[in-house]
Amino acid sequence: MKNLKTFFALFILATSLISCDAVDDLTEIEVDTEISEDFTIVVTEGETFSESLSVSIDDENVQDNLDKIENIEIESLTYQIISVSGTENVTATGEFSIASSSFPWFSYSESDFVNLTAAAEAGTVYEIEVDEDIISAFEADLRSGATALILATGTVSASPVTFVVRVKAKVNVVVDAI
């Protein structure tokens, strides 16, 4: 009889814990969103550039519940050269930085340089392959205010040149609404 009482007590305890998890799952809002922002990089003279851009999660459910974010996951991070004007066939190299982490761009092949005109004409979308530390830095910035600052720095082979780089992030956010 004592074993039966112990079994029922453990059964009730387990059932109540599972029920709490089910209720918690019901109060979560999962938001899949895409952040897309354009850098306009202008190099009037010389060969170096440095531009910053704030990116944010504009979803109302996320903005209203910043203090209740349970998880942020960056599913993909890409960039694309949208347009180029000025000097023809300019090559560029550089890096993106988020918080204290940085990662190279244009490192998709053996060369760290890319012809901006050719990349814009081809419409190539480059996947940014980054390690977990960089993803964590981006997620931490978004979690602290749903905004992250991205810095693009680098050099070009000639000036004057103006080019637009579109950065996209596919983001999954889980918010506990209650």
N, C-alpha and C. Protein backbone atom coordinates (compact mmCIF):
# COMPACT_ATOMS: atom_id res chain seq x y z
N MET A 1 0.83 -1.19 0.00
CA MET A 1 0.00 0.00 0.00
C MET A 1 0.88 1.26 0.00
N LYS A 2 1.99 1.18 0.77
CA LYS A 2 2.90 2.32 0.83
C LYS A 2 3.50 2.59 -0.55
N ASN A 3 3.84 1.53 -1.30
CA ASN A 3 4.37 1.69 -2.64
C ASN A 3 3.36 2.32 -3.59
N LEU A 4 2.10 1.97 -3.42
CA LEU A 4 1.04 2.52 -4.25
C LEU A 4 0.88 4.02 -3.99
N LYS A 5 0.94 4.44 -2.72
CA LYS A 5 0.84 5.86 -2.37
C LYS A 5 2.03 6.63 -2.95
N THR A 6 3.22 6.04 -2.84
CA THR A 6 4.42 6.69 -3.38
C THR A 6 4.30 6.83 -4.90
N PHE A 7 3.83 5.79 -5.57
CA PHE A 7 3.66 5.83 -7.01
C PHE A 7 2.70 6.95 -7.41
N PHE A 8 1.52 7.05 -6.72
CA PHE A 8 0.55 8.08 -7.05
C PHE A 8 1.09 9.48 -6.76
N ALA A 9 1.84 9.63 -5.68
CA ALA A 9 2.44 10.93 -5.36
C ALA A 9 3.43 11.35 -6.44
N LEU A 10 4.28 10.43 -6.88
CA LEU A 10 5.23 10.73 -7.95
C LEU A 10 4.51 10.98 -9.27
N PHE A 11 3.45 10.24 -9.55
CA PHE A 11 2.67 10.44 -10.76
C PHE A 11 2.04 11.84 -10.79
N ILE A 12 1.47 12.26 -9.69
CA ILE A 12 0.84 13.59 -9.60
C ILE A 12 1.90 14.69 -9.75
N LEU A 13 3.05 14.50 -9.12
CA LEU A 13 4.13 15.48 -9.22
C LEU A 13 4.61 15.59 -10.68
N ALA A 14 4.83 14.46 -11.33
CA ALA A 14 5.30 14.46 -12.72
C ALA A 14 4.26 15.10 -13.64
N THR A 15 3.00 14.79 -13.42
CA THR A 15 1.93 15.35 -14.24
C THR A 15 1.86 16.87 -14.07
N SER A 16 2.01 17.36 -12.87
CA SER A 16 1.94 18.81 -12.64
C SER A 16 3.13 19.51 -13.28
N LEU A 17 4.32 18.90 -13.25
CA LEU A 17 5.49 19.51 -13.90
C LEU A 17 5.32 19.57 -15.40
N ILE A 18 4.80 18.50 -15.98
CA ILE A 18 4.56 18.48 -17.42
C ILE A 18 3.50 19.52 -17.78
N SER A 19 2.49 19.67 -16.96
CA SER A 19 1.44 20.66 -17.22
C SER A 19 2.00 22.07 -17.18
N CYS A 20 2.93 22.35 -16.26
CA CYS A 20 3.54 23.68 -16.19
C CYS A 20 4.30 23.98 -17.48
N ASP A 21 5.04 22.99 -17.99
CA ASP A 21 5.76 23.19 -19.25
C ASP A 21 4.79 23.43 -20.39
N ALA A 22 3.68 22.73 -20.41
CA ALA A 22 2.68 22.92 -21.47
C ALA A 22 2.08 24.31 -21.42
N VAL A 23 1.81 24.80 -20.22
CA VAL A 23 1.27 26.16 -20.06
C VAL A 23 2.31 27.18 -20.51
N ASP A 24 3.59 26.95 -20.14
CA ASP A 24 4.64 27.86 -20.55
C ASP A 24 4.75 27.91 -22.07
N ASP A 25 4.65 26.75 -22.73
CA ASP A 25 4.70 26.71 -24.19
C ASP A 25 3.54 27.47 -24.82
N LEU A 26 2.39 27.45 -24.19
CA LEU A 26 1.23 28.17 -24.72
C LEU A 26 1.38 29.68 -24.64
N THR A 27 2.19 30.17 -23.71
CA THR A 27 2.35 31.61 -23.54
C THR A 27 3.51 32.17 -24.36
N GLU A 28 4.20 31.32 -25.12
CA GLU A 28 5.31 31.78 -25.94
C GLU A 28 4.84 32.21 -27.32
N ILE A 29 5.44 33.29 -27.80
CA ILE A 29 5.19 33.78 -29.16
C ILE A 29 6.49 33.55 -29.93
N GLU A 30 6.38 32.83 -31.04
CA GLU A 30 7.55 32.60 -31.88
C GLU A 30 7.42 33.49 -33.11
N VAL A 31 8.45 34.31 -33.33
CA VAL A 31 8.44 35.27 -34.43
C VAL A 31 9.59 34.96 -35.37
N ASP A 32 9.27 34.65 -36.62
CA ASP A 32 10.28 34.51 -37.67
C ASP A 32 10.26 35.80 -38.47
N THR A 33 11.39 36.45 -38.55
CA THR A 33 11.44 37.73 -39.24
C THR A 33 12.74 37.84 -40.03
N GLU A 34 12.75 38.75 -40.98
CA GLU A 34 13.96 39.01 -41.75
C GLU A 34 14.32 40.47 -41.59
N ILE A 35 15.54 40.70 -41.17
CA ILE A 35 16.08 42.04 -41.06
C ILE A 35 16.85 42.31 -42.35
N SER A 36 16.56 43.41 -43.01
CA SER A 36 17.25 43.76 -44.25
C SER A 36 17.57 45.25 -44.21
N GLU A 37 18.84 45.56 -44.28
CA GLU A 37 19.29 46.96 -44.25
C GLU A 37 20.37 47.17 -45.30
N ASP A 38 20.44 48.38 -45.85
CA ASP A 38 21.42 48.71 -46.87
C ASP A 38 22.49 49.67 -46.33
N PHE A 39 23.74 49.31 -46.55
CA PHE A 39 24.87 50.22 -46.33
C PHE A 39 25.08 50.98 -47.62
N THR A 40 25.16 52.30 -47.57
CA THR A 40 25.60 53.08 -48.72
C THR A 40 27.01 53.55 -48.39
N ILE A 41 27.97 53.02 -49.11
CA ILE A 41 29.37 53.30 -48.83
C ILE A 41 29.90 54.23 -49.91
N VAL A 42 30.38 55.40 -49.47
CA VAL A 42 30.88 56.42 -50.38
C VAL A 42 32.36 56.63 -50.10
N VAL A 43 33.18 56.45 -51.13
CA VAL A 43 34.61 56.71 -51.03
C VAL A 43 34.91 57.79 -52.07
N THR A 44 35.06 59.03 -51.61
CA THR A 44 35.28 60.15 -52.54
C THR A 44 36.75 60.29 -52.92
N GLU A 45 37.64 60.04 -51.96
CA GLU A 45 39.07 60.05 -52.26
C GLU A 45 39.77 59.08 -51.32
N GLY A 46 40.93 58.66 -51.73
CA GLY A 46 41.63 57.66 -50.94
C GLY A 46 41.07 56.28 -51.23
N GLU A 47 41.39 55.33 -50.36
CA GLU A 47 40.99 53.95 -50.63
C GLU A 47 40.31 53.27 -49.45
N THR A 48 40.09 53.96 -48.35
CA THR A 48 39.50 53.30 -47.18
C THR A 48 38.07 53.77 -46.96
N PHE A 49 37.28 52.90 -46.33
CA PHE A 49 35.92 53.27 -45.97
C PHE A 49 35.57 52.69 -44.61
N SER A 50 34.61 53.35 -43.97
CA SER A 50 34.08 52.88 -42.69
C SER A 50 32.66 53.43 -42.56
N GLU A 51 31.70 52.54 -42.53
CA GLU A 51 30.30 52.93 -42.40
C GLU A 51 29.64 52.05 -41.34
N SER A 52 28.74 52.65 -40.56
CA SER A 52 28.00 51.85 -39.58
C SER A 52 26.52 51.92 -39.88
N LEU A 53 25.82 50.91 -39.37
CA LEU A 53 24.40 50.77 -39.66
C LEU A 53 23.73 50.10 -38.47
N SER A 54 22.60 50.65 -38.04
CA SER A 54 21.82 50.01 -36.99
C SER A 54 20.77 49.12 -37.63
N VAL A 55 20.69 47.89 -37.16
CA VAL A 55 19.65 46.97 -37.63
C VAL A 55 18.79 46.61 -36.44
N SER A 56 17.50 46.46 -36.68
CA SER A 56 16.61 46.15 -35.56
C SER A 56 15.52 45.19 -35.99
N ILE A 57 14.95 44.56 -34.98
CA ILE A 57 13.80 43.69 -35.19
C ILE A 57 12.57 44.58 -35.04
N ASP A 58 11.87 44.81 -36.15
CA ASP A 58 10.75 45.74 -36.14
C ASP A 58 9.42 45.11 -35.79
N ASP A 59 9.41 43.83 -35.47
CA ASP A 59 8.17 43.15 -35.14
C ASP A 59 7.59 43.68 -33.83
N GLU A 60 6.30 44.02 -33.84
CA GLU A 60 5.63 44.61 -32.67
C GLU A 60 5.64 43.67 -31.47
N ASN A 61 5.44 42.36 -31.70
CA ASN A 61 5.45 41.41 -30.58
C ASN A 61 6.81 41.38 -29.88
N VAL A 62 7.87 41.54 -30.64
CA VAL A 62 9.21 41.54 -30.05
C VAL A 62 9.45 42.87 -29.35
N GLN A 63 9.15 43.98 -30.00
CA GLN A 63 9.40 45.30 -29.41
C GLN A 63 8.64 45.49 -28.10
N ASP A 64 7.41 44.98 -28.04
CA ASP A 64 6.60 45.14 -26.83
C ASP A 64 7.04 44.24 -25.69
N ASN A 65 7.87 43.25 -25.96
CA ASN A 65 8.25 42.26 -24.94
C ASN A 65 9.76 42.04 -24.88
N LEU A 66 10.55 43.10 -25.04
CA LEU A 66 12.00 42.96 -25.05
C LEU A 66 12.52 42.31 -23.78
N ASP A 67 11.92 42.62 -22.65
CA ASP A 67 12.38 42.07 -21.38
C ASP A 67 11.97 40.61 -21.20
N LYS A 68 11.17 40.07 -22.12
CA LYS A 68 10.69 38.70 -21.99
C LYS A 68 11.20 37.79 -23.10
N ILE A 69 12.27 38.22 -23.78
CA ILE A 69 12.84 37.39 -24.84
C ILE A 69 13.48 36.16 -24.20
N GLU A 70 13.06 35.00 -24.66
CA GLU A 70 13.62 33.74 -24.16
C GLU A 70 14.75 33.24 -25.04
N ASN A 71 14.64 33.46 -26.35
CA ASN A 71 15.66 32.93 -27.25
C ASN A 71 15.68 33.75 -28.54
N ILE A 72 16.87 33.99 -29.04
CA ILE A 72 17.05 34.59 -30.36
C ILE A 72 18.01 33.70 -31.12
N GLU A 73 17.62 33.35 -32.33
CA GLU A 73 18.46 32.49 -33.16
C GLU A 73 18.62 33.14 -34.52
N ILE A 74 19.87 33.37 -34.92
CA ILE A 74 20.16 33.88 -36.25
C ILE A 74 20.22 32.66 -37.16
N GLU A 75 19.26 32.53 -38.06
CA GLU A 75 19.20 31.36 -38.94
C GLU A 75 20.10 31.51 -40.15
N SER A 76 20.25 32.73 -40.65
CA SER A 76 21.20 32.98 -41.75
C SER A 76 21.57 34.45 -41.75
N LEU A 77 22.76 34.73 -42.28
CA LEU A 77 23.28 36.09 -42.38
C LEU A 77 23.93 36.19 -43.76
N THR A 78 23.45 37.13 -44.59
CA THR A 78 23.96 37.26 -45.96
C THR A 78 24.20 38.73 -46.30
N TYR A 79 24.96 38.94 -47.38
CA TYR A 79 25.10 40.29 -47.93
C TYR A 79 25.13 40.19 -49.45
N GLN A 80 24.81 41.33 -50.08
CA GLN A 80 24.76 41.39 -51.54
C GLN A 80 25.15 42.79 -51.97
N ILE A 81 25.97 42.90 -53.00
CA ILE A 81 26.30 44.21 -53.59
C ILE A 81 25.13 44.57 -54.51
N ILE A 82 24.42 45.63 -54.17
CA ILE A 82 23.21 46.00 -54.90
C ILE A 82 23.53 46.90 -56.10
N SER A 83 24.38 47.90 -55.89
CA SER A 83 24.69 48.82 -56.99
C SER A 83 26.07 49.43 -56.77
N VAL A 84 26.65 49.89 -57.88
CA VAL A 84 27.97 50.53 -57.85
C VAL A 84 27.93 51.69 -58.83
N SER A 85 28.49 52.82 -58.43
CA SER A 85 28.63 53.95 -59.35
C SER A 85 29.99 54.58 -59.13
N GLY A 86 30.45 55.30 -60.13
CA GLY A 86 31.78 55.91 -60.05
C GLY A 86 32.76 55.12 -60.89
N THR A 87 33.92 54.91 -60.37
CA THR A 87 34.98 54.20 -61.07
C THR A 87 34.56 52.76 -61.39
N GLU A 88 34.82 52.33 -62.62
CA GLU A 88 34.46 50.98 -63.06
C GLU A 88 35.45 49.94 -62.54
N ASN A 89 34.95 48.72 -62.38
CA ASN A 89 35.77 47.56 -62.02
C ASN A 89 36.63 47.75 -60.77
N VAL A 90 36.08 48.41 -59.78
CA VAL A 90 36.76 48.59 -58.51
C VAL A 90 36.68 47.29 -57.72
N THR A 91 37.80 46.91 -57.12
CA THR A 91 37.78 45.75 -56.23
C THR A 91 37.78 46.26 -54.79
N ALA A 92 37.27 45.43 -53.90
CA ALA A 92 37.18 45.83 -52.49
C ALA A 92 37.48 44.64 -51.60
N THR A 93 37.92 44.94 -50.42
CA THR A 93 38.08 43.96 -49.36
C THR A 93 37.70 44.64 -48.06
N GLY A 94 37.30 43.87 -47.08
CA GLY A 94 36.92 44.49 -45.82
C GLY A 94 36.38 43.49 -44.83
N GLU A 95 35.75 44.04 -43.79
CA GLU A 95 35.14 43.19 -42.78
C GLU A 95 33.94 43.87 -42.17
N PHE A 96 33.04 43.04 -41.66
CA PHE A 96 31.91 43.51 -40.87
C PHE A 96 32.26 43.30 -39.41
N SER A 97 31.81 44.20 -38.55
CA SER A 97 32.02 44.04 -37.11
C SER A 97 30.68 44.22 -36.40
N ILE A 98 30.46 43.38 -35.40
CA ILE A 98 29.30 43.49 -34.53
C ILE A 98 29.83 43.42 -33.11
N ALA A 99 29.55 44.45 -32.31
CA ALA A 99 30.08 44.53 -30.95
C ALA A 99 31.60 44.40 -31.04
N SER A 100 32.18 43.49 -30.29
CA SER A 100 33.63 43.35 -30.32
C SER A 100 34.08 42.23 -31.26
N SER A 101 33.15 41.65 -32.01
CA SER A 101 33.48 40.56 -32.93
C SER A 101 33.52 41.08 -34.35
N SER A 102 34.41 40.52 -35.14
CA SER A 102 34.46 40.92 -36.55
C SER A 102 34.66 39.68 -37.41
N PHE A 103 34.24 39.79 -38.65
CA PHE A 103 34.37 38.68 -39.58
C PHE A 103 34.56 39.25 -40.97
N PRO A 104 35.37 38.56 -41.78
CA PRO A 104 35.68 39.08 -43.12
C PRO A 104 34.49 38.96 -44.06
N TRP A 105 34.42 39.87 -44.98
CA TRP A 105 33.50 39.71 -46.09
C TRP A 105 34.36 39.55 -47.34
N PHE A 106 33.76 39.15 -48.41
CA PHE A 106 34.47 38.88 -49.66
C PHE A 106 35.48 37.75 -49.49
N SER A 107 35.26 36.83 -48.57
CA SER A 107 36.22 35.74 -48.39
C SER A 107 35.63 34.43 -48.89
N TYR A 108 34.83 34.52 -49.94
CA TYR A 108 34.12 33.36 -50.45
C TYR A 108 34.98 32.51 -51.37
N SER A 109 36.15 32.98 -51.76
CA SER A 109 37.01 32.23 -52.67
C SER A 109 38.45 32.36 -52.21
N GLU A 110 39.37 31.98 -53.07
CA GLU A 110 40.79 32.06 -52.72
C GLU A 110 41.23 33.50 -52.53
N SER A 111 40.56 34.43 -53.17
CA SER A 111 40.93 35.84 -53.08
C SER A 111 40.04 36.53 -52.06
N ASP A 112 40.61 37.47 -51.34
CA ASP A 112 39.82 38.26 -50.40
C ASP A 112 39.26 39.51 -51.06
N PHE A 113 39.46 39.68 -52.37
CA PHE A 113 38.98 40.84 -53.08
C PHE A 113 37.82 40.44 -53.98
N VAL A 114 36.93 41.39 -54.24
CA VAL A 114 35.83 41.13 -55.17
C VAL A 114 35.67 42.35 -56.06
N ASN A 115 35.33 42.11 -57.31
CA ASN A 115 35.04 43.18 -58.24
C ASN A 115 33.61 43.63 -57.96
N LEU A 116 33.43 44.84 -57.47
CA LEU A 116 32.11 45.33 -57.06
C LEU A 116 31.13 45.38 -58.23
N THR A 117 31.59 45.85 -59.39
CA THR A 117 30.71 45.96 -60.55
C THR A 117 30.21 44.58 -60.97
N ALA A 118 31.11 43.60 -61.05
CA ALA A 118 30.72 42.25 -61.45
C ALA A 118 29.76 41.63 -60.43
N ALA A 119 30.02 41.84 -59.15
CA ALA A 119 29.17 41.28 -58.11
C ALA A 119 27.76 41.89 -58.17
N ALA A 120 27.68 43.19 -58.41
CA ALA A 120 26.36 43.84 -58.50
C ALA A 120 25.60 43.36 -59.73
N GLU A 121 26.29 43.26 -60.86
CA GLU A 121 25.63 42.82 -62.09
C GLU A 121 25.15 41.37 -61.98
N ALA A 122 25.91 40.53 -61.30
CA ALA A 122 25.54 39.11 -61.15
C ALA A 122 24.44 38.90 -60.11
N GLY A 123 24.29 39.87 -59.20
CA GLY A 123 23.27 39.73 -58.15
C GLY A 123 23.60 38.65 -57.13
N THR A 124 24.87 38.38 -56.97
CA THR A 124 25.32 37.30 -56.09
C THR A 124 25.00 37.62 -54.63
N VAL A 125 24.41 36.65 -53.95
CA VAL A 125 24.16 36.75 -52.51
C VAL A 125 25.22 35.90 -51.82
N TYR A 126 25.97 36.53 -50.92
CA TYR A 126 27.05 35.86 -50.22
C TYR A 126 26.60 35.48 -48.82
N GLU A 127 26.75 34.21 -48.51
CA GLU A 127 26.45 33.72 -47.15
C GLU A 127 27.62 34.10 -46.26
N ILE A 128 27.32 34.71 -45.14
CA ILE A 128 28.37 35.05 -44.18
C ILE A 128 28.51 33.85 -43.25
N GLU A 129 29.62 33.17 -43.38
CA GLU A 129 29.89 32.01 -42.53
C GLU A 129 30.66 32.50 -41.32
N VAL A 130 29.99 32.50 -40.19
CA VAL A 130 30.60 33.04 -38.98
C VAL A 130 30.57 31.98 -37.88
N ASP A 131 31.44 32.18 -36.91
CA ASP A 131 31.46 31.22 -35.81
C ASP A 131 30.43 31.61 -34.74
N GLU A 132 30.29 30.75 -33.76
CA GLU A 132 29.27 30.92 -32.72
C GLU A 132 29.47 32.20 -31.91
N ASP A 133 30.72 32.65 -31.71
CA ASP A 133 30.97 33.87 -30.95
C ASP A 133 30.37 35.09 -31.63
N ILE A 134 30.48 35.15 -32.95
CA ILE A 134 29.94 36.28 -33.69
C ILE A 134 28.41 36.26 -33.68
N ILE A 135 27.83 35.07 -33.87
CA ILE A 135 26.38 34.94 -33.79
C ILE A 135 25.91 35.34 -32.39
N SER A 136 26.62 34.91 -31.37
CA SER A 136 26.25 35.25 -29.98
C SER A 136 26.32 36.75 -29.75
N ALA A 137 27.33 37.43 -30.31
CA ALA A 137 27.44 38.89 -30.16
C ALA A 137 26.26 39.59 -30.82
N PHE A 138 25.89 39.14 -32.03
CA PHE A 138 24.75 39.71 -32.74
C PHE A 138 23.47 39.47 -31.96
N GLU A 139 23.28 38.25 -31.47
CA GLU A 139 22.10 37.92 -30.69
C GLU A 139 22.04 38.73 -29.40
N ALA A 140 23.19 38.92 -28.73
CA ALA A 140 23.22 39.69 -27.49
C ALA A 140 22.82 41.14 -27.73
N ASP A 141 23.31 41.72 -28.83
CA ASP A 141 22.91 43.09 -29.17
C ASP A 141 21.41 43.18 -29.42
N LEU A 142 20.87 42.23 -30.18
CA LEU A 142 19.44 42.24 -30.47
C LEU A 142 18.63 42.03 -29.20
N ARG A 143 19.11 41.15 -28.32
CA ARG A 143 18.39 40.85 -27.08
C ARG A 143 18.36 42.08 -26.15
N SER A 144 19.42 42.87 -26.17
CA SER A 144 19.49 44.01 -25.24
C SER A 144 18.65 45.19 -25.69
N GLY A 145 18.09 45.16 -26.87
CA GLY A 145 17.25 46.26 -27.31
C GLY A 145 16.69 46.07 -28.69
N ALA A 146 16.80 44.86 -29.19
CA ALA A 146 16.32 44.51 -30.52
C ALA A 146 16.99 45.34 -31.61
N THR A 147 18.18 45.90 -31.29
CA THR A 147 18.96 46.67 -32.25
C THR A 147 20.42 46.24 -32.15
N ALA A 148 21.06 46.10 -33.29
CA ALA A 148 22.49 45.79 -33.32
C ALA A 148 23.17 46.78 -34.25
N LEU A 149 24.39 47.15 -33.91
CA LEU A 149 25.18 48.06 -34.74
C LEU A 149 26.16 47.23 -35.53
N ILE A 150 26.12 47.35 -36.85
CA ILE A 150 27.06 46.66 -37.72
C ILE A 150 27.97 47.71 -38.35
N LEU A 151 29.26 47.45 -38.34
CA LEU A 151 30.25 48.35 -38.91
C LEU A 151 30.89 47.65 -40.11
N ALA A 152 30.96 48.34 -41.25
CA ALA A 152 31.64 47.82 -42.43
C ALA A 152 32.87 48.68 -42.67
N THR A 153 34.04 48.05 -42.70
CA THR A 153 35.30 48.77 -42.95
C THR A 153 36.06 48.04 -44.03
N GLY A 154 36.92 48.78 -44.73
CA GLY A 154 37.72 48.11 -45.74
C GLY A 154 38.41 49.08 -46.66
N THR A 155 38.88 48.53 -47.77
CA THR A 155 39.58 49.34 -48.77
C THR A 155 39.03 49.01 -50.16
N VAL A 156 39.17 49.99 -51.05
CA VAL A 156 38.82 49.81 -52.45
C VAL A 156 40.06 50.08 -53.28
N SER A 157 40.08 49.56 -54.50
CA SER A 157 41.25 49.72 -55.36
C SER A 157 41.34 51.09 -56.01
N ALA A 158 40.23 51.82 -56.09
CA ALA A 158 40.23 53.14 -56.72
C ALA A 158 39.03 53.94 -56.23
N SER A 159 39.13 55.25 -56.35
CA SER A 159 38.02 56.12 -56.01
C SER A 159 37.93 57.19 -57.08
N PRO A 160 36.83 57.88 -57.20
CA PRO A 160 35.64 57.82 -56.35
C PRO A 160 34.75 56.62 -56.72
N VAL A 161 34.10 56.09 -55.70
CA VAL A 161 33.17 55.00 -55.91
C VAL A 161 32.12 55.03 -54.81
N THR A 162 30.90 54.72 -55.19
CA THR A 162 29.79 54.58 -54.23
C THR A 162 29.17 53.22 -54.50
N PHE A 163 28.98 52.45 -53.42
CA PHE A 163 28.33 51.15 -53.60
C PHE A 163 27.40 50.87 -52.43
N VAL A 164 26.37 50.10 -52.74
CA VAL A 164 25.36 49.75 -51.75
C VAL A 164 25.48 48.26 -51.44
N VAL A 165 25.58 47.94 -50.15
CA VAL A 165 25.68 46.56 -49.69
C VAL A 165 24.44 46.27 -48.85
N ARG A 166 23.65 45.28 -49.25
CA ARG A 166 22.46 44.89 -48.49
C ARG A 166 22.82 43.73 -47.56
N VAL A 167 22.58 43.92 -46.27
CA VAL A 167 22.82 42.88 -45.27
C VAL A 167 21.46 42.36 -44.83
N LYS A 168 21.31 41.00 -44.84
CA LYS A 168 20.06 40.38 -44.41
C LYS A 168 20.34 39.36 -43.34
N ALA A 169 19.46 39.33 -42.36
CA ALA A 169 19.53 38.31 -41.31
C ALA A 169 18.14 37.70 -41.15
N LYS A 170 18.07 36.39 -41.23
CA LYS A 170 16.82 35.69 -40.91
C LYS A 170 16.91 35.32 -39.43
N VAL A 171 15.93 35.79 -38.67
CA VAL A 171 15.98 35.69 -37.22
C VAL A 171 14.73 35.01 -36.71
N ASN A 172 14.91 34.13 -35.72
CA ASN A 172 13.79 33.51 -35.02
C ASN A 172 13.86 33.97 -33.57
N VAL A 173 12.79 34.57 -33.09
CA VAL A 173 12.74 35.08 -31.71
C VAL A 173 11.60 34.40 -30.98
N VAL A 174 11.88 33.94 -29.75
CA VAL A 174 10.85 33.37 -28.90
C VAL A 174 10.67 34.32 -27.73
N VAL A 175 9.42 34.81 -27.56
CA VAL A 175 9.07 35.75 -26.51
C VAL A 175 8.04 35.11 -25.61
N ASP A 176 8.25 35.21 -24.31
CA ASP A 176 7.26 34.72 -23.34
C ASP A 176 6.29 35.88 -23.10
N ALA A 177 5.08 35.75 -23.59
CA ALA A 177 4.10 36.84 -23.54
C ALA A 177 3.54 37.10 -22.14
N ILE A 178 3.67 36.14 -21.25
CA ILE A 178 3.14 36.33 -19.89
C ILE A 178 4.26 36.18 -18.90
